[in-house]
Amino acid sequence: MPSFFERLLPFIFLGILLVLAVVGIILFSYLLIFGAIVGMILFAIAWVRGLFVRKKVKSQKNERRKIGRTFDQ
């Protein structure tokens, strides 16, 4: 006949697994929040830079047109 501890052992492992799963989900949510904050900061920097720095527009005269055919597969 199994002892009390041997019968309780699967429930202890299940409890530890459940706690680790919850902690993992919490850490993952913090990672997502941190990533969103970094993404918003990078977007704001690019947006402000776009307001103050004008892009150079290439004229069509400088572009060469390629003569020939392109074979796509």
N, C-alpha and C. Protein backbone atom coordinates (compact mmCIF):
# COMPACT_ATOMS: atom_id res chain seq x y z
N MET A 1 0.85 -1.18 0.00
CA MET A 1 0.00 0.00 0.00
C MET A 1 0.89 1.25 0.00
N PRO A 2 0.64 2.18 -0.95
CA PRO A 2 1.48 3.38 -1.03
C PRO A 2 1.28 4.28 0.18
N SER A 3 2.35 4.93 0.54
CA SER A 3 2.28 5.82 1.69
C SER A 3 1.56 7.11 1.31
N PHE A 4 1.29 7.90 2.33
CA PHE A 4 0.56 9.16 2.12
C PHE A 4 1.37 10.09 1.21
N PHE A 5 2.70 10.15 1.40
CA PHE A 5 3.54 11.03 0.60
C PHE A 5 3.57 10.59 -0.87
N GLU A 6 3.58 9.28 -1.11
CA GLU A 6 3.58 8.78 -2.49
C GLU A 6 2.27 9.10 -3.20
N ARG A 7 1.18 9.12 -2.48
CA ARG A 7 -0.10 9.48 -3.08
C ARG A 7 -0.23 10.98 -3.28
N LEU A 8 0.48 11.76 -2.47
CA LEU A 8 0.40 13.21 -2.55
C LEU A 8 1.37 13.79 -3.59
N LEU A 9 2.40 13.05 -3.95
CA LEU A 9 3.45 13.53 -4.85
C LEU A 9 2.94 14.01 -6.21
N PRO A 10 2.03 13.31 -6.90
CA PRO A 10 1.53 13.83 -8.19
C PRO A 10 0.83 15.18 -8.05
N PHE A 11 0.13 15.38 -6.97
CA PHE A 11 -0.57 16.66 -6.76
C PHE A 11 0.42 17.79 -6.48
N ILE A 12 1.51 17.47 -5.82
CA ILE A 12 2.55 18.47 -5.57
C ILE A 12 3.18 18.89 -6.90
N PHE A 13 3.51 17.91 -7.74
CA PHE A 13 4.08 18.23 -9.05
C PHE A 13 3.09 19.02 -9.91
N LEU A 14 1.83 18.67 -9.84
CA LEU A 14 0.82 19.40 -10.60
C LEU A 14 0.71 20.84 -10.10
N GLY A 15 0.79 21.05 -8.81
CA GLY A 15 0.74 22.40 -8.26
C GLY A 15 1.95 23.22 -8.68
N ILE A 16 3.14 22.60 -8.66
CA ILE A 16 4.35 23.31 -9.09
C ILE A 16 4.24 23.67 -10.57
N LEU A 17 3.76 22.75 -11.39
CA LEU A 17 3.59 23.01 -12.81
C LEU A 17 2.60 24.14 -13.06
N LEU A 18 1.53 24.17 -12.30
CA LEU A 18 0.53 25.23 -12.44
C LEU A 18 1.12 26.59 -12.06
N VAL A 19 1.88 26.64 -10.99
CA VAL A 19 2.51 27.90 -10.56
C VAL A 19 3.52 28.36 -11.61
N LEU A 20 4.32 27.44 -12.15
CA LEU A 20 5.29 27.81 -13.19
C LEU A 20 4.59 28.31 -14.45
N ALA A 21 3.46 27.72 -14.80
CA ALA A 21 2.72 28.17 -15.98
C ALA A 21 2.18 29.59 -15.77
N VAL A 22 1.65 29.87 -14.60
CA VAL A 22 1.13 31.21 -14.31
C VAL A 22 2.26 32.24 -14.31
N VAL A 23 3.38 31.89 -13.69
CA VAL A 23 4.54 32.81 -13.68
C VAL A 23 5.04 33.04 -15.10
N GLY A 24 5.06 32.02 -15.93
CA GLY A 24 5.49 32.17 -17.32
C GLY A 24 4.57 33.09 -18.10
N ILE A 25 3.28 32.96 -17.90
CA ILE A 25 2.33 33.84 -18.58
C ILE A 25 2.50 35.29 -18.12
N ILE A 26 2.74 35.49 -16.85
CA ILE A 26 2.96 36.85 -16.33
C ILE A 26 4.23 37.44 -16.91
N LEU A 27 5.32 36.67 -16.95
CA LEU A 27 6.56 37.17 -17.54
C LEU A 27 6.40 37.47 -19.03
N PHE A 28 5.66 36.64 -19.74
CA PHE A 28 5.41 36.88 -21.16
C PHE A 28 4.61 38.15 -21.37
N SER A 29 3.64 38.42 -20.49
CA SER A 29 2.86 39.65 -20.63
C SER A 29 3.74 40.88 -20.38
N TYR A 30 4.66 40.78 -19.42
CA TYR A 30 5.59 41.90 -19.21
C TYR A 30 6.48 42.10 -20.43
N LEU A 31 6.89 41.02 -21.06
CA LEU A 31 7.70 41.12 -22.27
C LEU A 31 6.92 41.80 -23.39
N LEU A 32 5.65 41.46 -23.54
CA LEU A 32 4.82 42.10 -24.55
C LEU A 32 4.63 43.58 -24.27
N ILE A 33 4.42 43.93 -23.01
CA ILE A 33 4.25 45.35 -22.65
C ILE A 33 5.53 46.12 -22.92
N PHE A 34 6.68 45.55 -22.55
CA PHE A 34 7.97 46.20 -22.79
C PHE A 34 8.20 46.37 -24.29
N GLY A 35 7.88 45.36 -25.08
CA GLY A 35 8.02 45.45 -26.53
C GLY A 35 7.11 46.51 -27.13
N ALA A 36 5.90 46.63 -26.62
CA ALA A 36 4.99 47.66 -27.11
C ALA A 36 5.50 49.06 -26.78
N ILE A 37 6.06 49.23 -25.60
CA ILE A 37 6.61 50.54 -25.21
C ILE A 37 7.79 50.90 -26.11
N VAL A 38 8.70 49.96 -26.33
CA VAL A 38 9.85 50.22 -27.20
C VAL A 38 9.37 50.52 -28.62
N GLY A 39 8.40 49.79 -29.10
CA GLY A 39 7.85 50.04 -30.44
C GLY A 39 7.22 51.41 -30.56
N MET A 40 6.49 51.85 -29.54
CA MET A 40 5.89 53.19 -29.58
C MET A 40 6.95 54.27 -29.55
N ILE A 41 8.02 54.06 -28.78
CA ILE A 41 9.11 55.05 -28.74
C ILE A 41 9.79 55.14 -30.11
N LEU A 42 10.08 54.00 -30.72
CA LEU A 42 10.70 54.01 -32.05
C LEU A 42 9.78 54.64 -33.09
N PHE A 43 8.48 54.38 -33.00
CA PHE A 43 7.54 54.99 -33.93
C PHE A 43 7.49 56.49 -33.74
N ALA A 44 7.49 56.96 -32.49
CA ALA A 44 7.46 58.40 -32.23
C ALA A 44 8.72 59.08 -32.76
N ILE A 45 9.88 58.44 -32.58
CA ILE A 45 11.13 59.00 -33.10
C ILE A 45 11.07 59.11 -34.61
N ALA A 46 10.61 58.06 -35.28
CA ALA A 46 10.52 58.08 -36.75
C ALA A 46 9.51 59.11 -37.22
N TRP A 47 8.41 59.27 -36.49
CA TRP A 47 7.38 60.24 -36.87
C TRP A 47 7.89 61.66 -36.73
N VAL A 48 8.57 61.97 -35.62
CA VAL A 48 9.13 63.31 -35.41
C VAL A 48 10.23 63.58 -36.44
N ARG A 49 11.04 62.59 -36.71
CA ARG A 49 12.09 62.74 -37.72
C ARG A 49 11.49 63.01 -39.09
N GLY A 50 10.39 62.35 -39.40
CA GLY A 50 9.70 62.58 -40.67
C GLY A 50 9.12 63.97 -40.78
N LEU A 51 8.77 64.57 -39.66
CA LEU A 51 8.24 65.93 -39.69
C LEU A 51 9.32 66.96 -40.01
N PHE A 52 10.51 66.74 -39.52
CA PHE A 52 11.56 67.74 -39.64
C PHE A 52 12.53 67.49 -40.79
N VAL A 53 12.68 66.28 -41.21
CA VAL A 53 13.65 65.96 -42.26
C VAL A 53 12.87 65.62 -43.52
N ARG A 54 13.15 66.38 -44.57
CA ARG A 54 12.48 66.10 -45.83
C ARG A 54 13.26 65.05 -46.60
N LYS A 55 12.52 64.21 -47.27
CA LYS A 55 13.15 63.17 -48.08
C LYS A 55 13.54 63.76 -49.43
N LYS A 56 14.66 63.31 -49.96
CA LYS A 56 15.09 63.73 -51.29
C LYS A 56 14.29 62.95 -52.33
N VAL A 57 13.73 63.68 -53.26
CA VAL A 57 12.93 63.05 -54.30
C VAL A 57 13.84 62.84 -55.51
N LYS A 58 13.91 61.62 -55.97
CA LYS A 58 14.73 61.31 -57.13
C LYS A 58 13.99 61.75 -58.40
N SER A 59 14.72 62.38 -59.27
CA SER A 59 14.12 62.76 -60.54
C SER A 59 14.15 61.55 -61.47
N GLN A 60 13.22 61.54 -62.40
CA GLN A 60 13.14 60.42 -63.32
C GLN A 60 14.23 60.49 -64.38
N LYS A 61 14.86 61.64 -64.53
CA LYS A 61 15.90 61.77 -65.54
C LYS A 61 17.13 60.95 -65.17
N ASN A 62 17.40 60.81 -63.89
CA ASN A 62 18.58 60.08 -63.45
C ASN A 62 18.41 58.57 -63.57
N GLU A 63 17.19 58.12 -63.62
CA GLU A 63 16.95 56.68 -63.68
C GLU A 63 17.12 56.18 -65.10
N ARG A 64 17.82 55.10 -65.23
CA ARG A 64 17.96 54.47 -66.54
C ARG A 64 16.88 53.42 -66.70
N ARG A 65 16.34 53.39 -67.87
CA ARG A 65 15.37 52.34 -68.15
C ARG A 65 16.11 51.15 -68.73
N LYS A 66 15.84 50.01 -68.19
CA LYS A 66 16.52 48.82 -68.67
C LYS A 66 15.80 48.31 -69.92
N ILE A 67 16.59 48.04 -70.90
CA ILE A 67 16.04 47.54 -72.15
C ILE A 67 16.22 46.03 -72.16
N GLY A 68 15.18 45.34 -72.52
CA GLY A 68 15.27 43.89 -72.58
C GLY A 68 14.03 43.26 -72.00
N ARG A 69 14.10 41.96 -71.85
CA ARG A 69 12.96 41.23 -71.30
C ARG A 69 13.34 40.59 -69.98
N THR A 70 12.37 40.45 -69.14
CA THR A 70 12.55 39.78 -67.86
C THR A 70 11.80 38.46 -67.90
N PHE A 71 12.48 37.41 -67.57
CA PHE A 71 11.83 36.08 -67.56
C PHE A 71 11.55 35.70 -66.12
N ASP A 72 10.29 35.57 -65.81
CA ASP A 72 9.86 35.12 -64.48
C ASP A 72 9.47 33.66 -64.55
N GLN A 73 9.75 32.99 -63.51
CA GLN A 73 9.38 31.57 -63.48
C GLN A 73 8.24 31.35 -62.54
